[in-house]
Every structure is written in C-alpha cells, then in structure tokens.
Amino acid sequence: MQAVTVSPKFQVVIPKKVREQLHIKPGQKMMAMPYGEHIQLVPVKSAKALRGMLKGCDIEMDSIRDKSDRF
C-alpha cells in the first residue's frame, strides 16, 4: 500500500507496482466510482476484449412464461 497525493488539478499518480500488477497502460480508460468513503477505479474494457467472455456459460433457464405454459 502506498499513499498518493491529489494535485491542485485533482489528479493522482497510480503507483508503479499497482500499474504493473493490474497491467494498466498509458491512455487506458478507467471508471471512477464512489464506494462508501473510497474511490474505486475500474478499467474500461473494449467490446473486442470482452468477446468470448461468456463462452461455456449455461444460458438455459426457466422463465415465468415457460412455467405458465405447462398448465
């Protein structure tokens, strides 16, 4: 854990160890979200990077409509 300083322009530098651990690259977009008394930074991933993310997931599910059709 390393302390960072907020600049007069409200900017902070993400420490090198954190950038390396999370593979953050220059110019990468991040979502800044309040989380209680904290700020959470979440990398924004492109649609291309998300491709295939759900491969192998079971998408079959019973819906309310399916159940009512049985009666």
PDB file of N, CA and C in Angstrom:
ATOM      1  N   MET A   1       0.853  -1.170   0.000  1.00  0.00           N
ATOM      2  CA  MET A   1       0.000   0.000   0.000  1.00  0.00           C
ATOM      3  C   MET A   1       0.897   1.230   0.000  1.00  0.00           C
ATOM      4  N   GLN A   2       0.536   2.201  -0.812  1.00  0.00           N
ATOM      5  CA  GLN A   2       1.344   3.404  -0.937  1.00  0.00           C
ATOM      6  C   GLN A   2       0.428   4.615  -1.000  1.00  0.00           C
ATOM      7  N   ALA A   3       0.776   5.662  -0.279  1.00  0.00           N
ATOM      8  CA  ALA A   3      -0.015   6.891  -0.284  1.00  0.00           C
ATOM      9  C   ALA A   3       0.246   7.674  -1.562  1.00  0.00           C
ATOM     10  N   VAL A   4      -0.792   8.318  -2.077  1.00  0.00           N
ATOM     11  CA  VAL A   4      -0.669   9.197  -3.232  1.00  0.00           C
ATOM     12  C   VAL A   4      -1.186  10.577  -2.833  1.00  0.00           C
ATOM     13  N   THR A   5      -0.798  11.587  -3.590  1.00  0.00           N
ATOM     14  CA  THR A   5      -1.199  12.960  -3.306  1.00  0.00           C
ATOM     15  C   THR A   5      -2.097  13.477  -4.422  1.00  0.00           C
ATOM     16  N   VAL A   6      -3.167  14.142  -4.051  1.00  0.00           N
ATOM     17  CA  VAL A   6      -4.055  14.755  -5.029  1.00  0.00           C
ATOM     18  C   VAL A   6      -3.462  16.104  -5.413  1.00  0.00           C
ATOM     19  N   SER A   7      -3.273  16.321  -6.715  1.00  0.00           N
ATOM     20  CA  SER A   7      -2.694  17.579  -7.204  1.00  0.00           C
ATOM     21  C   SER A   7      -3.738  18.690  -7.166  1.00  0.00           C
ATOM     22  N   PRO A   8      -3.328  19.947  -7.372  1.00  0.00           N
ATOM     23  CA  PRO A   8      -4.300  21.052  -7.436  1.00  0.00           C
ATOM     24  C   PRO A   8      -5.346  20.856  -8.543  1.00  0.00           C
ATOM     25  N   LYS A   9      -5.029  20.041  -9.562  1.00  0.00           N
ATOM     26  CA  LYS A   9      -5.985  19.746 -10.631  1.00  0.00           C
ATOM     27  C   LYS A   9      -6.768  18.464 -10.338  1.00  0.00           C
ATOM     28  N   PHE A  10      -6.702  17.985  -9.095  1.00  0.00           N
ATOM     29  CA  PHE A  10      -7.387  16.775  -8.637  1.00  0.00           C
ATOM     30  C   PHE A  10      -6.911  15.516  -9.375  1.00  0.00           C
ATOM     31  N   GLN A  11      -5.628  15.467  -9.713  1.00  0.00           N
ATOM     32  CA  GLN A  11      -5.047  14.307 -10.365  1.00  0.00           C
ATOM     33  C   GLN A  11      -4.211  13.529  -9.364  1.00  0.00           C
ATOM     34  N   VAL A  12      -4.127  12.200  -9.579  1.00  0.00           N
ATOM     35  CA  VAL A  12      -3.268  11.342  -8.768  1.00  0.00           C
ATOM     36  C   VAL A  12      -2.461  10.449  -9.698  1.00  0.00           C
ATOM     37  N   VAL A  13      -1.314   9.992  -9.235  1.00  0.00           N
ATOM     38  CA  VAL A  13      -0.495   9.050  -9.992  1.00  0.00           C
ATOM     39  C   VAL A  13      -0.688   7.679  -9.363  1.00  0.00           C
ATOM     40  N   ILE A  14      -1.028   6.700 -10.203  1.00  0.00           N
ATOM     41  CA  ILE A  14      -1.165   5.325  -9.720  1.00  0.00           C
ATOM     42  C   ILE A  14       0.242   4.766  -9.552  1.00  0.00           C
ATOM     43  N   PRO A  15       0.596   4.289  -8.367  1.00  0.00           N
ATOM     44  CA  PRO A  15       1.949   3.780  -8.136  1.00  0.00           C
ATOM     45  C   PRO A  15       2.341   2.682  -9.127  1.00  0.00           C
ATOM     46  N   LYS A  16       3.610   2.651  -9.479  1.00  0.00           N
ATOM     47  CA  LYS A  16       4.126   1.722 -10.480  1.00  0.00           C
ATOM     48  C   LYS A  16       3.789   0.270 -10.157  1.00  0.00           C
ATOM     49  N   LYS A  17       3.959  -0.130  -8.912  1.00  0.00           N
ATOM     50  CA  LYS A  17       3.678  -1.525  -8.546  1.00  0.00           C
ATOM     51  C   LYS A  17       2.216  -1.881  -8.809  1.00  0.00           C
ATOM     52  N   VAL A  18       1.322  -0.955  -8.534  1.00  0.00           N
ATOM     53  CA  VAL A  18      -0.112  -1.196  -8.768  1.00  0.00           C
ATOM     54  C   VAL A  18      -0.380  -1.262 -10.269  1.00  0.00           C
ATOM     55  N   ARG A  19       0.198  -0.333 -11.039  1.00  0.00           N
ATOM     56  CA  ARG A  19       0.023  -0.348 -12.501  1.00  0.00           C
ATOM     57  C   ARG A  19       0.508  -1.657 -13.099  1.00  0.00           C
ATOM     58  N   GLU A  20       1.660  -2.114 -12.645  1.00  0.00           N
ATOM     59  CA  GLU A  20       2.221  -3.359 -13.171  1.00  0.00           C
ATOM     60  C   GLU A  20       1.367  -4.566 -12.776  1.00  0.00           C
ATOM     61  N   GLN A  21       0.918  -4.595 -11.537  1.00  0.00           N
ATOM     62  CA  GLN A  21       0.110  -5.718 -11.053  1.00  0.00           C
ATOM     63  C   GLN A  21      -1.207  -5.831 -11.814  1.00  0.00           C
ATOM     64  N   LEU A  22      -1.802  -4.677 -12.155  1.00  0.00           N
ATOM     65  CA  LEU A  22      -3.099  -4.666 -12.825  1.00  0.00           C
ATOM     66  C   LEU A  22      -2.981  -4.482 -14.341  1.00  0.00           C
ATOM     67  N   HIS A  23      -1.748  -4.420 -14.846  1.00  0.00           N
ATOM     68  CA  HIS A  23      -1.487  -4.272 -16.283  1.00  0.00           C
ATOM     69  C   HIS A  23      -2.162  -3.028 -16.862  1.00  0.00           C
ATOM     70  N   ILE A  24      -2.084  -1.918 -16.132  1.00  0.00           N
ATOM     71  CA  ILE A  24      -2.658  -0.655 -16.592  1.00  0.00           C
ATOM     72  C   ILE A  24      -1.676  -0.007 -17.552  1.00  0.00           C
ATOM     73  N   LYS A  25      -2.187   0.431 -18.709  1.00  0.00           N
ATOM     74  CA  LYS A  25      -1.366   1.030 -19.754  1.00  0.00           C
ATOM     75  C   LYS A  25      -1.659   2.525 -19.883  1.00  0.00           C
ATOM     76  N   PRO A  26      -0.693   3.314 -20.373  1.00  0.00           N
ATOM     77  CA  PRO A  26      -0.941   4.751 -20.590  1.00  0.00           C
ATOM     78  C   PRO A  26      -2.107   4.952 -21.557  1.00  0.00           C
ATOM     79  N   GLY A  27      -2.974   5.883 -21.245  1.00  0.00           N
ATOM     80  CA  GLY A  27      -4.121   6.183 -22.093  1.00  0.00           C
ATOM     81  C   GLY A  27      -5.323   5.289 -21.862  1.00  0.00           C
ATOM     82  N   GLN A  28      -5.172   4.278 -21.019  1.00  0.00           N
ATOM     83  CA  GLN A  28      -6.279   3.360 -20.747  1.00  0.00           C
ATOM     84  C   GLN A  28      -7.380   4.098 -19.998  1.00  0.00           C
ATOM     85  N   LYS A  29      -8.625   3.840 -20.379  1.00  0.00           N
ATOM     86  CA  LYS A  29      -9.777   4.457 -19.721  1.00  0.00           C
ATOM     87  C   LYS A  29     -10.100   3.714 -18.432  1.00  0.00           C
ATOM     88  N   MET A  30     -10.505   4.472 -17.419  1.00  0.00           N
ATOM     89  CA  MET A  30     -10.893   3.909 -16.126  1.00  0.00           C
ATOM     90  C   MET A  30     -12.205   4.564 -15.705  1.00  0.00           C
ATOM     91  N   MET A  31     -13.053   3.780 -15.062  1.00  0.00           N
ATOM     92  CA  MET A  31     -14.268   4.318 -14.459  1.00  0.00           C
ATOM     93  C   MET A  31     -13.934   4.644 -13.007  1.00  0.00           C
ATOM     94  N   ALA A  32     -14.239   5.872 -12.587  1.00  0.00           N
ATOM     95  CA  ALA A  32     -14.032   6.292 -11.199  1.00  0.00           C
ATOM     96  C   ALA A  32     -15.393   6.297 -10.520  1.00  0.00           C
ATOM     97  N   MET A  33     -15.553   5.451  -9.498  1.00  0.00           N
ATOM     98  CA  MET A  33     -16.836   5.307  -8.836  1.00  0.00           C
ATOM     99  C   MET A  33     -16.684   5.474  -7.328  1.00  0.00           C
ATOM    100  N   PRO A  34     -17.590   6.226  -6.705  1.00  0.00           N
ATOM    101  CA  PRO A  34     -17.559   6.299  -5.246  1.00  0.00           C
ATOM    102  C   PRO A  34     -17.971   4.954  -4.659  1.00  0.00           C
ATOM    103  N   TYR A  35     -17.297   4.560  -3.608  1.00  0.00           N
ATOM    104  CA  TYR A  35     -17.584   3.286  -2.938  1.00  0.00           C
ATOM    105  C   TYR A  35     -17.477   3.547  -1.446  1.00  0.00           C
ATOM    106  N   GLY A  36     -18.598   3.952  -0.843  1.00  0.00           N
ATOM    107  CA  GLY A  36     -18.572   4.351   0.567  1.00  0.00           C
ATOM    108  C   GLY A  36     -17.686   5.575   0.713  1.00  0.00           C
ATOM    109  N   GLU A  37     -16.665   5.470   1.524  1.00  0.00           N
ATOM    110  CA  GLU A  37     -15.707   6.567   1.739  1.00  0.00           C
ATOM    111  C   GLU A  37     -14.478   6.435   0.834  1.00  0.00           C
ATOM    112  N   HIS A  38     -14.554   5.553  -0.162  1.00  0.00           N
ATOM    113  CA  HIS A  38     -13.416   5.259  -1.038  1.00  0.00           C
ATOM    114  C   HIS A  38     -13.737   5.621  -2.482  1.00  0.00           C
ATOM    115  N   ILE A  39     -12.720   5.628  -3.315  1.00  0.00           N
ATOM    116  CA  ILE A  39     -12.882   5.767  -4.759  1.00  0.00           C
ATOM    117  C   ILE A  39     -12.412   4.460  -5.375  1.00  0.00           C
ATOM    118  N   GLN A  40     -13.232   3.892  -6.221  1.00  0.00           N
ATOM    119  CA  GLN A  40     -12.884   2.642  -6.884  1.00  0.00           C
ATOM    120  C   GLN A  40     -12.607   2.951  -8.355  1.00  0.00           C
ATOM    121  N   LEU A  41     -11.440   2.550  -8.841  1.00  0.00           N
ATOM    122  CA  LEU A  41     -11.089   2.706 -10.250  1.00  0.00           C
ATOM    123  C   LEU A  41     -11.206   1.348 -10.922  1.00  0.00           C
ATOM    124  N   VAL A  42     -12.007   1.293 -11.979  1.00  0.00           N
ATOM    125  CA  VAL A  42     -12.238   0.036 -12.682  1.00  0.00           C
ATOM    126  C   VAL A  42     -11.852   0.232 -14.145  1.00  0.00           C
ATOM    127  N   PRO A  43     -10.939  -0.602 -14.661  1.00  0.00           N
ATOM    128  CA  PRO A  43     -10.565  -0.465 -16.070  1.00  0.00           C
ATOM    129  C   PRO A  43     -11.754  -0.692 -16.994  1.00  0.00           C
ATOM    130  N   VAL A  44     -11.876   0.158 -18.018  1.00  0.00           N
ATOM    131  CA  VAL A  44     -12.905   0.009 -19.036  1.00  0.00           C
ATOM    132  C   VAL A  44     -12.339  -0.907 -20.104  1.00  0.00           C
ATOM    133  N   LYS A  45     -13.053  -1.963 -20.409  1.00  0.00           N
ATOM    134  CA  LYS A  45     -12.598  -2.909 -21.422  1.00  0.00           C
ATOM    135  C   LYS A  45     -13.392  -2.702 -22.703  1.00  0.00           C
ATOM    136  N   SER A  46     -12.725  -2.833 -23.827  1.00  0.00           N
ATOM    137  CA  SER A  46     -13.387  -2.684 -25.121  1.00  0.00           C
ATOM    138  C   SER A  46     -14.282  -3.891 -25.375  1.00  0.00           C
ATOM    139  N   ALA A  47     -15.229  -3.725 -26.289  1.00  0.00           N
ATOM    140  CA  ALA A  47     -16.104  -4.833 -26.658  1.00  0.00           C
ATOM    141  C   ALA A  47     -15.272  -5.982 -27.225  1.00  0.00           C
ATOM    142  N   LYS A  48     -14.215  -5.646 -27.943  1.00  0.00           N
ATOM    143  CA  LYS A  48     -13.354  -6.679 -28.516  1.00  0.00           C
ATOM    144  C   LYS A  48     -12.693  -7.505 -27.411  1.00  0.00           C
ATOM    145  N   ALA A  49     -12.267  -6.845 -26.332  1.00  0.00           N
ATOM    146  CA  ALA A  49     -11.618  -7.548 -25.225  1.00  0.00           C
ATOM    147  C   ALA A  49     -12.599  -8.455 -24.481  1.00  0.00           C
ATOM    148  N   LEU A  50     -13.883  -8.128 -24.535  1.00  0.00           N
ATOM    149  CA  LEU A  50     -14.901  -8.913 -23.835  1.00  0.00           C
ATOM    150  C   LEU A  50     -15.414 -10.090 -24.661  1.00  0.00           C
ATOM    151  N   ARG A  51     -15.039 -10.126 -25.935  1.00  0.00           N
ATOM    152  CA  ARG A  51     -15.528 -11.188 -26.823  1.00  0.00           C
ATOM    153  C   ARG A  51     -15.141 -12.566 -26.279  1.00  0.00           C
ATOM    154  N   GLY A  52     -16.107 -13.457 -26.222  1.00  0.00           N
ATOM    155  CA  GLY A  52     -15.873 -14.813 -25.758  1.00  0.00           C
ATOM    156  C   GLY A  52     -15.904 -14.965 -24.247  1.00  0.00           C
ATOM    157  N   MET A  53     -16.175 -13.881 -23.546  1.00  0.00           N
ATOM    158  CA  MET A  53     -16.151 -13.903 -22.087  1.00  0.00           C
ATOM    159  C   MET A  53     -17.156 -14.900 -21.502  1.00  0.00           C
ATOM    160  N   LEU A  54     -18.284 -15.082 -22.170  1.00  0.00           N
ATOM    161  CA  LEU A  54     -19.338 -15.960 -21.651  1.00  0.00           C
ATOM    162  C   LEU A  54     -19.310 -17.354 -22.267  1.00  0.00           C
ATOM    163  N   LYS A  55     -18.271 -17.646 -23.031  1.00  0.00           N
ATOM    164  CA  LYS A  55     -18.166 -18.948 -23.675  1.00  0.00           C
ATOM    165  C   LYS A  55     -18.195 -20.052 -22.614  1.00  0.00           C
ATOM    166  N   GLY A  56     -19.051 -21.026 -22.839  1.00  0.00           N
ATOM    167  CA  GLY A  56     -19.157 -22.144 -21.921  1.00  0.00           C
ATOM    168  C   GLY A  56     -20.161 -21.932 -20.801  1.00  0.00           C
ATOM    169  N   CYS A  57     -20.745 -20.728 -20.704  1.00  0.00           N
ATOM    170  CA  CYS A  57     -21.751 -20.483 -19.669  1.00  0.00           C
ATOM    171  C   CYS A  57     -23.064 -21.145 -20.042  1.00  0.00           C
ATOM    172  N   ASP A  58     -23.764 -21.647 -19.053  1.00  0.00           N
ATOM    173  CA  ASP A  58     -25.072 -22.247 -19.261  1.00  0.00           C
ATOM    174  C   ASP A  58     -26.093 -21.127 -19.339  1.00  0.00           C
ATOM    175  N   ILE A  59     -26.690 -20.938 -20.517  1.00  0.00           N
ATOM    176  CA  ILE A  59     -27.652 -19.851 -20.691  1.00  0.00           C
ATOM    177  C   ILE A  59     -29.092 -20.347 -20.619  1.00  0.00           C
ATOM    178  N   GLU A  60     -29.277 -21.627 -20.394  1.00  0.00           N
ATOM    179  CA  GLU A  60     -30.622 -22.186 -20.279  1.00  0.00           C
ATOM    180  C   GLU A  60     -31.189 -21.835 -18.910  1.00  0.00           C
ATOM    181  N   MET A  61     -32.424 -21.338 -18.911  1.00  0.00           N
ATOM    182  CA  MET A  61     -33.080 -21.043 -17.640  1.00  0.00           C
ATOM    183  C   MET A  61     -34.581 -21.087 -17.837  1.00  0.00           C
ATOM    184  N   ASP A  62     -35.287 -21.448 -16.792  1.00  0.00           N
ATOM    185  CA  ASP A  62     -36.742 -21.454 -16.831  1.00  0.00           C
ATOM    186  C   ASP A  62     -37.238 -20.049 -16.585  1.00  0.00           C
ATOM    187  N   SER A  63     -38.078 -19.553 -17.459  1.00  0.00           N
ATOM    188  CA  SER A  63     -38.668 -18.235 -17.242  1.00  0.00           C
ATOM    189  C   SER A  63     -40.074 -18.417 -16.681  1.00  0.00           C
ATOM    190  N   ILE A  64     -40.668 -17.377 -16.195  1.00  0.00           N
ATOM    191  CA  ILE A  64     -42.033 -17.430 -15.671  1.00  0.00           C
ATOM    192  C   ILE A  64     -42.988 -17.857 -16.781  1.00  0.00           C
ATOM    193  N   ARG A  65     -42.762 -17.353 -17.968  1.00  0.00           N
ATOM    194  CA  ARG A  65     -43.620 -17.691 -19.106  1.00  0.00           C
ATOM    195  C   ARG A  65     -43.544 -19.187 -19.410  1.00  0.00           C
ATOM    196  N   ASP A  66     -42.344 -19.745 -19.395  1.00  0.00           N
ATOM    197  CA  ASP A  66     -42.202 -21.179 -19.658  1.00  0.00           C
ATOM    198  C   ASP A  66     -42.992 -22.004 -18.649  1.00  0.00           C
ATOM    199  N   LYS A  67     -42.959 -21.615 -17.393  1.00  0.00           N
ATOM    200  CA  LYS A  67     -43.652 -22.372 -16.360  1.00  0.00           C
ATOM    201  C   LYS A  67     -45.164 -22.268 -16.500  1.00  0.00           C
ATOM    202  N   SER A  68     -45.660 -21.078 -16.881  1.00  0.00           N
ATOM    203  CA  SER A  68     -47.108 -20.914 -17.007  1.00  0.00           C
ATOM    204  C   SER A  68     -47.654 -21.646 -18.230  1.00  0.00           C
ATOM    205  N   ASP A  69     -46.820 -21.880 -19.245  1.00  0.00           N
ATOM    206  CA  ASP A  69     -47.258 -22.600 -20.436  1.00  0.00           C
ATOM    207  C   ASP A  69     -47.502 -24.078 -20.151  1.00  0.00           C
ATOM    208  N   ARG A  70     -47.005 -24.583 -19.062  1.00  0.00           N
ATOM    209  CA  ARG A  70     -47.155 -26.003 -18.743  1.00  0.00           C
ATOM    210  C   ARG A  70     -48.532 -26.344 -18.203  1.00  0.00           C
ATOM    211  N   PHE A  71     -49.284 -25.361 -17.770  1.00  0.00           N
ATOM    212  CA  PHE A  71     -50.588 -25.614 -17.159  1.00  0.00           C
ATOM    213  C   PHE A  71     -51.702 -25.427 -18.131  1.00  0.00           C
TER     214      PHE A  71
END
